[in-house]
Each structure stands twice: as C-alpha cells, then as structure tokens.
C-alpha cells in the first residue's frame, strides 16, 4: 500500500506487469468502395469546412491530472472489488468492443492478486516522462508517466479518444516497476574490478 508517497510491495516485479490494452484495429484507415467511385465533392461552405477540419485541443494541466487519476482510480476500484464493468464503461466504443469486463479482469489479475494498492494515486502527483501528444491523424491523446514510490513506482501509458466532446479511454498499460532511485542504484557500475570465479575442483 502507498503511504505518504512511499510504496511497499514485497512481491516480484515480473508478477506485477499488466498487459497493454490497445484497440489497435481502430487505427487502420477505413475506405469503402463507394469512396473510389464517388463524384467530385461539392463546394463546402466556409463554416462547414472549418468544422470538418477542426482539431481537438490539448487539455490543460489540471484536466490531464483529472484524466489520469480518474482512469487509475477506476482501475483501483476494479482490482479491489473484482468488478471491471465501470472501467470498461469509461472507455471509447473501440475499447469496450474488444475488452469485455471478463477480459479486463484477466488482464489486470496480477495487480489485484499481489495486493497492489492504486488508491494513493488520488493524492500523489504523477510525473510525466514525456510531453502529452495528440496524433494529428487519429486525434488521440497519449499520456505517459509514473506515480513515484519506493521501492516500486506505478508506470502508466494511457491513450484517449475524443468521443462526443469528451476524452474516453482507448488503451491503457499499467506496469509497476522499480523506482527511479532503485533503478539507478541497480545500474550503478561497481568501482572495483570483478572477481574471477574459481575453477571447479577436479
């Protein structure tokens, strides 16, 4: 459980990994045969043309924080209660189509089984590992970062699709891993030369 910005998880990190849930099929362009044979488009009025080419706006800092917390708290509730229906219902249509509640339960079973408590994301500030981006073609918002903790931090990557004027989850990955400090310590090169192993006795 996280307490005061620290994390204590006496479990194997490899057991905590949760799979990425990306509804990748919706990224593929959809082209119908009728489009190839369609006549030249009619002139579009300026107002209609502007609406057709309008781009979604990047959420501000407080809106990004709300999106992240809402999603991970929904996952927290789901892992604690075993009911993944609400998490599924928060998703975009493509997410719901490929992720029934039963599949979400299986995907994130490791987090619940190992007792990973995500509820502290309500009070801990996440750290972003890159600038949030909106794909100009798909109009999808990608956010990547982590919630700090010791010795484990909660890494996340979230993908949102604009649906009816609201951002809805299209894909998510939640992966507990070593904290930045623990990873740095593990990667530190020792100052002394390695000792050669003794040959086995004959």
Protein backbone atom coordinates (compact mmCIF):
# COMPACT_ATOMS: atom_id res chain seq x y z
CA UNK A 1 0.00 0.00 0.00
CA UNK A 2 1.22 3.51 -0.67
CA UNK A 3 1.52 5.74 2.34
CA UNK A 4 2.77 9.30 2.35
CA UNK A 5 4.26 8.98 -1.13
CA UNK A 6 6.09 5.69 -0.47
CA UNK A 7 5.36 2.23 -1.76
CA UNK A 8 6.00 -1.13 -0.13
CA UNK A 9 5.40 -4.13 -2.37
CA UNK A 10 7.16 -7.32 -1.20
CA UNK A 11 6.46 -9.11 -4.47
CA UNK A 12 8.29 -9.92 -7.69
CA UNK A 13 8.11 -7.10 -10.20
CA UNK A 14 7.68 -9.55 -13.05
CA UNK A 15 4.49 -10.79 -11.43
CA UNK A 16 3.01 -7.31 -11.36
CA UNK A 17 3.21 -6.45 -15.07
CA UNK A 18 -0.17 -5.68 -16.65
CA UNK A 19 -0.73 -6.08 -20.38
CA UNK A 20 -1.29 -3.19 -22.73
CA UNK A 21 -4.88 -2.91 -23.85
CA UNK A 22 -4.74 -1.14 -27.20
CA UNK A 23 -7.64 -1.49 -29.61
CA UNK A 24 -5.19 -1.26 -32.50
CA UNK A 25 -7.69 -2.16 -35.18
CA UNK A 26 -9.27 1.28 -34.97
CA UNK A 27 -6.02 2.89 -36.05
CA UNK A 28 -6.37 1.38 -39.53
CA UNK A 29 -7.92 3.70 -42.11
CA UNK A 30 -11.39 2.72 -43.26
CA UNK A 31 -12.00 3.09 -47.00
CA UNK A 32 -15.17 1.95 -48.72
CA UNK A 33 -15.54 1.05 -52.38
CA UNK A 34 -18.11 3.81 -52.72
CA UNK A 35 -15.43 6.38 -51.99
CA UNK A 36 -13.42 5.39 -55.05
CA UNK A 37 -16.39 5.85 -57.36
CA UNK A 38 -17.77 8.93 -55.67
CA UNK A 39 -18.17 12.07 -57.79
CA UNK A 40 -16.13 15.17 -57.15
CA UNK A 41 -17.08 16.73 -53.82
CA UNK A 42 -19.37 19.71 -53.82
CA UNK A 43 -18.23 23.07 -52.62
CA UNK A 44 -18.31 23.28 -48.85
CA UNK A 45 -19.38 26.40 -47.07
CA UNK A 46 -16.60 28.06 -45.06
CA UNK A 47 -18.30 27.34 -41.72
CA UNK A 48 -18.82 23.67 -42.54
CA UNK A 49 -15.28 23.37 -43.84
CA UNK A 50 -13.89 24.87 -40.65
CA UNK A 51 -15.90 22.43 -38.55
CA UNK A 52 -14.71 19.50 -40.63
CA UNK A 53 -11.05 20.43 -40.22
CA UNK A 54 -11.32 21.39 -36.54
CA UNK A 55 -8.77 19.77 -34.28
CA UNK A 56 -9.26 18.80 -30.67
CA UNK A 57 -7.41 20.91 -28.14
CA UNK A 58 -4.77 19.67 -25.73
CA UNK A 59 -6.18 19.54 -22.17
CA UNK A 60 -4.51 21.85 -19.68
CA UNK A 61 -2.54 20.60 -16.68
CA UNK A 62 -5.50 20.21 -14.34
CA UNK A 63 -7.53 18.39 -16.99
CA UNK A 64 -4.66 15.99 -17.71
CA UNK A 65 -4.34 15.25 -14.00
CA UNK A 66 -8.07 14.58 -13.76
CA UNK A 67 -7.96 12.18 -16.72
CA UNK A 68 -5.04 10.23 -15.27
CA UNK A 69 -6.49 9.97 -11.78
CA UNK A 70 -10.00 9.10 -12.97
CA UNK A 71 -8.67 6.25 -15.08
CA UNK A 72 -6.30 4.78 -12.50
CA UNK A 73 -8.81 5.15 -9.66
CA UNK A 74 -11.34 3.26 -11.79
CA UNK A 75 -8.73 0.54 -12.22
CA UNK A 76 -8.04 0.62 -8.48
CA UNK A 77 -11.73 0.15 -7.66
CA UNK A 78 -11.96 -2.66 -10.22
CA UNK A 79 -9.00 -4.59 -8.83
CA UNK A 80 -10.27 -4.22 -5.26
CA UNK A 81 -13.86 -5.24 -5.97
CA UNK A 82 -13.35 -7.58 -8.92
CA UNK A 83 -15.95 -5.60 -10.88
CA UNK A 84 -14.43 -4.22 -14.09
CA UNK A 85 -17.70 -3.03 -15.59
CA UNK A 86 -17.22 0.63 -14.65
CA UNK A 87 -13.67 0.67 -16.03
CA UNK A 88 -14.96 -0.80 -19.28
CA UNK A 89 -17.83 1.69 -19.48
CA UNK A 90 -15.40 4.59 -19.18
CA UNK A 91 -13.77 3.50 -22.43
CA UNK A 92 -14.34 4.58 -26.00
CA UNK A 93 -16.53 2.31 -28.17
CA UNK A 94 -13.48 0.58 -29.64
CA UNK A 95 -12.10 -0.14 -26.18
CA UNK A 96 -15.43 -1.58 -24.99
CA UNK A 97 -15.79 -3.73 -28.12
CA UNK A 98 -12.53 -5.62 -27.58
CA UNK A 99 -12.40 -5.56 -23.78
CA UNK A 100 -15.36 -7.16 -22.01
CA UNK A 101 -15.20 -6.94 -18.23
CA UNK A 102 -14.03 -10.55 -18.02
CA UNK A 103 -11.01 -9.83 -20.21
CA UNK A 104 -10.08 -6.75 -18.21
CA UNK A 105 -10.30 -8.84 -15.06
CA UNK A 106 -7.86 -11.38 -16.50
CA UNK A 107 -5.52 -8.71 -17.84
CA UNK A 108 -5.14 -6.95 -14.50
CA UNK A 109 -5.44 -10.04 -12.31
CA UNK A 110 -1.78 -9.76 -11.32
CA UNK A 111 -2.23 -6.36 -9.72
CA UNK A 112 -5.19 -7.48 -7.64
CA UNK A 113 -3.67 -10.85 -6.69
CA UNK A 114 -0.44 -9.26 -5.45
CA UNK A 115 -2.26 -6.65 -3.40
CA UNK A 116 -1.01 -3.63 -5.31
CA UNK A 117 -2.98 -0.65 -4.00
CA UNK A 118 -3.51 2.03 -6.62
CA UNK A 119 -5.76 4.21 -4.47
CA UNK A 120 -2.87 6.50 -3.48
CA UNK A 121 -2.92 7.99 -6.99
CA UNK A 122 -5.69 10.18 -5.60
CA UNK A 123 -3.16 12.15 -3.56
CA UNK A 124 0.23 11.52 -5.17
CA UNK A 125 1.20 13.76 -8.07
CA UNK A 126 2.18 11.85 -11.21
CA UNK A 127 5.38 12.61 -13.09
CA UNK A 128 5.17 12.65 -16.88
CA UNK A 129 8.04 11.05 -18.81
CA UNK A 130 7.23 12.94 -21.98
CA UNK A 131 5.06 15.72 -23.32
CA UNK A 132 1.45 14.60 -23.87
CA UNK A 133 0.71 14.43 -27.57
CA UNK A 134 -2.32 14.37 -29.85
CA UNK A 135 -1.91 12.38 -33.05
CA UNK A 136 -2.90 14.68 -35.92
CA UNK A 137 -4.41 11.76 -37.88
CA UNK A 138 -6.30 9.82 -35.20
CA UNK A 139 -6.87 12.79 -32.87
CA UNK A 140 -5.94 10.53 -29.97
CA UNK A 141 -4.27 11.83 -26.82
CA UNK A 142 -1.33 9.86 -25.39
CA UNK A 143 -0.07 10.39 -21.84
CA UNK A 144 2.90 8.54 -20.37
CA UNK A 145 4.40 8.78 -16.89
CA UNK A 146 4.54 7.26 -13.43
CA UNK A 147 3.45 7.68 -9.85
CA UNK A 148 6.58 7.68 -7.66
CA UNK A 149 7.05 5.22 -4.83
CA UNK A 150 9.73 3.22 -3.02
CA UNK A 151 10.90 0.67 -3.95
CA UNK A 152 8.23 0.37 -6.65
CA UNK A 153 6.63 3.04 -8.82
CA UNK A 154 3.48 2.70 -10.92
CA UNK A 155 4.25 3.30 -14.60
CA UNK A 156 1.37 4.08 -16.92
CA UNK A 157 0.65 4.82 -20.54
CA UNK A 158 -2.85 5.99 -21.41
CA UNK A 159 -4.50 6.59 -24.76
CA UNK A 160 -7.70 8.62 -25.07
CA UNK A 161 -10.10 9.15 -27.97
CA UNK A 162 -12.41 12.17 -28.28
CA UNK A 163 -16.00 10.89 -28.20
CA UNK A 164 -18.93 13.30 -28.02
CA UNK A 165 -16.75 16.13 -26.79
CA UNK A 166 -15.16 14.05 -24.01
CA UNK A 167 -11.90 12.14 -23.73
CA UNK A 168 -12.54 8.42 -23.30
CA UNK A 169 -10.02 5.64 -22.66
CA UNK A 170 -8.98 3.86 -25.84
CA UNK A 171 -5.99 1.97 -24.44
CA UNK A 172 -4.07 1.64 -21.20
CA UNK A 173 -0.98 -0.02 -19.76
CA UNK A 174 -0.24 -0.09 -16.04
CA UNK A 175 3.06 -1.64 -15.03
CA UNK A 176 4.56 -1.49 -11.52
CA UNK A 177 8.32 -1.35 -11.79
CA UNK A 178 11.45 -0.35 -9.85
CA UNK A 179 11.53 3.23 -8.67
CA UNK A 180 13.88 5.67 -10.33
CA UNK A 181 16.21 5.57 -7.33
CA UNK A 182 16.19 1.76 -7.19
CA UNK A 183 16.80 1.50 -10.93
CA UNK A 184 19.70 3.96 -10.73
CA UNK A 185 21.25 2.01 -7.86
CA UNK A 186 20.90 -1.27 -9.75
CA UNK A 187 22.52 0.22 -12.84
CA UNK A 188 25.49 1.70 -10.98
CA UNK A 189 28.79 0.21 -12.10
CA UNK A 190 30.93 -1.04 -9.17
CA UNK A 191 34.20 0.77 -8.54
CA UNK A 192 36.18 -2.45 -8.08
CA UNK A 193 37.09 -4.99 -10.72
CA UNK A 194 35.00 -8.15 -10.78
CA UNK A 195 36.46 -11.21 -9.09
CA UNK A 196 37.14 -14.17 -11.36
CA UNK A 197 35.26 -17.32 -10.45
CA UNK A 198 37.34 -20.20 -9.15
CA UNK A 199 37.56 -23.27 -11.35
CA UNK A 200 35.53 -26.23 -10.04
CA UNK A 201 37.50 -28.85 -8.15
CA UNK A 202 38.51 -31.88 -10.21
